[in-house]
Amino acid sequence: MIAETPKPPYYAVIFTTLRTENNEGYKDMSDRMVELARKQEGFLGIESARDGLGITVSYWQDLDAIKSWKHNLEHTAAREEGRKKWYAEYKLRIAKVDHDYDFARD
């Protein structure tokens, strides 16, 4: 599903991953992080896709909201568990969205 975002400017956190073979507990933790992020002040939406390479983009009102999410204790614990078990490699990018546009077939 494509996230509904407000008019720019806002921020995107782009989390690109390569996974290990270990899937134990991953889906539950992933679902929990989305649930927790949705409750975070400044959260705007999320999109995710995986086909070997995983890409999750979360959208945020401002940099302070992103910083608060980064320092959320449960998110911090999940990040550490991910480094130990689920991720072979990842890269995180933060980008300011200045423009967006859309198309939807009727």
Protein backbone atom coordinates (compact mmCIF):
# COMPACT_ATOMS: atom_id res chain seq x y z
CA MET A 1 0.00 0.00 0.00
CA ILE A 2 1.24 3.50 -0.82
CA ALA A 3 1.44 5.76 2.24
CA GLU A 4 -0.77 8.84 2.33
CA THR A 5 1.54 11.74 3.14
CA PRO A 6 0.84 15.45 3.63
CA LYS A 7 2.02 18.19 1.31
CA PRO A 8 5.81 18.57 1.47
CA PRO A 9 8.09 19.29 3.11
CA TYR A 10 8.46 16.19 5.25
CA TYR A 11 11.18 13.57 5.71
CA ALA A 12 11.75 10.03 4.50
CA VAL A 13 13.85 7.44 6.32
CA ILE A 14 14.98 4.85 3.77
CA PHE A 15 16.07 1.55 5.34
CA THR A 16 17.66 -0.82 2.82
CA THR A 17 18.56 -4.33 4.01
CA LEU A 18 20.08 -7.63 3.10
CA ARG A 19 18.89 -10.36 5.44
CA THR A 20 20.58 -13.39 6.96
CA GLU A 21 18.95 -16.82 6.71
CA ASN A 22 17.64 -16.45 10.28
CA ASN A 23 13.91 -15.63 10.26
CA GLU A 24 13.18 -16.59 13.87
CA GLY A 25 11.04 -13.85 15.41
CA TYR A 26 11.62 -11.42 12.54
CA LYS A 27 7.99 -10.99 11.40
CA ASP A 28 6.72 -10.45 14.94
CA MET A 29 9.42 -7.86 15.61
CA SER A 30 8.82 -6.13 12.29
CA ASP A 31 5.08 -5.95 12.95
CA ARG A 32 5.75 -4.61 16.45
CA MET A 33 8.06 -1.88 15.14
CA VAL A 34 5.43 -0.71 12.63
CA GLU A 35 2.80 -0.69 15.39
CA LEU A 36 5.13 1.26 17.69
CA ALA A 37 6.17 3.74 14.96
CA ARG A 38 2.51 4.49 14.19
CA LYS A 39 2.13 5.69 17.80
CA GLN A 40 5.21 7.91 17.61
CA GLU A 41 4.56 11.65 17.37
CA GLY A 42 5.41 12.93 13.91
CA PHE A 43 5.00 9.57 12.12
CA LEU A 44 3.27 9.99 8.74
CA GLY A 45 3.31 6.57 7.07
CA ILE A 46 5.34 3.60 5.88
CA GLU A 47 5.95 1.55 2.73
CA SER A 48 7.91 -1.68 2.47
CA ALA A 49 8.97 -4.17 -0.19
CA ARG A 50 11.21 -7.23 -0.18
CA ASP A 51 12.51 -9.32 -3.03
CA GLY A 52 15.95 -10.31 -1.85
CA LEU A 53 16.77 -6.67 -1.17
CA GLY A 54 14.46 -5.13 1.43
CA ILE A 55 13.47 -1.48 1.32
CA THR A 56 11.32 0.18 3.95
CA VAL A 57 10.56 3.88 3.73
CA SER A 58 9.00 5.60 6.71
CA TYR A 59 7.78 9.18 6.52
CA TRP A 60 8.14 11.73 9.30
CA GLN A 61 7.03 15.26 10.01
CA ASP A 62 10.49 16.53 10.94
CA LEU A 63 13.99 15.59 12.06
CA ASP A 64 13.03 15.77 15.75
CA ALA A 65 10.40 13.04 15.19
CA ILE A 66 13.04 10.85 13.50
CA LYS A 67 15.46 11.43 16.37
CA SER A 68 12.79 10.51 18.93
CA TRP A 69 12.05 7.29 17.01
CA LYS A 70 15.75 6.42 16.88
CA HIS A 71 16.02 6.80 20.66
CA ASN A 72 12.83 4.89 21.51
CA LEU A 73 14.00 2.17 23.90
CA GLU A 74 12.05 -0.67 22.32
CA HIS A 75 13.22 0.37 18.85
CA THR A 76 16.83 0.50 20.11
CA ALA A 77 16.53 -3.06 21.46
CA ALA A 78 15.03 -4.26 18.17
CA ARG A 79 17.85 -2.62 16.23
CA GLU A 80 20.44 -4.47 18.33
CA GLU A 81 18.62 -7.77 17.87
CA GLY A 82 18.48 -7.13 14.13
CA ARG A 83 22.24 -6.62 13.98
CA LYS A 84 22.81 -9.87 15.86
CA LYS A 85 20.27 -12.08 14.05
CA TRP A 86 18.47 -10.79 10.98
CA TYR A 87 20.63 -8.39 8.99
CA ALA A 88 23.74 -9.25 7.02
CA GLU A 89 23.94 -5.62 5.94
CA TYR A 90 21.86 -2.47 6.00
CA LYS A 91 22.01 1.19 5.09
CA LEU A 92 19.83 3.96 6.44
CA ARG A 93 19.31 7.23 4.62
CA ILE A 94 17.36 10.30 5.69
CA ALA A 95 16.04 12.59 2.96
CA LYS A 96 13.94 15.72 2.94
CA VAL A 97 10.98 15.49 0.56
CA ASP A 98 10.54 18.85 -1.14
CA HIS A 99 8.16 17.73 -3.88
CA ASP A 100 5.85 14.83 -4.54
CA TYR A 101 3.13 14.02 -7.03
CA ASP A 102 0.92 11.04 -7.70
CA PHE A 103 -1.19 9.16 -10.19
CA ALA A 104 -4.12 6.86 -9.59
CA ARG A 105 -6.06 5.00 -12.25
CA ASP A 106 -9.82 5.37 -11.82
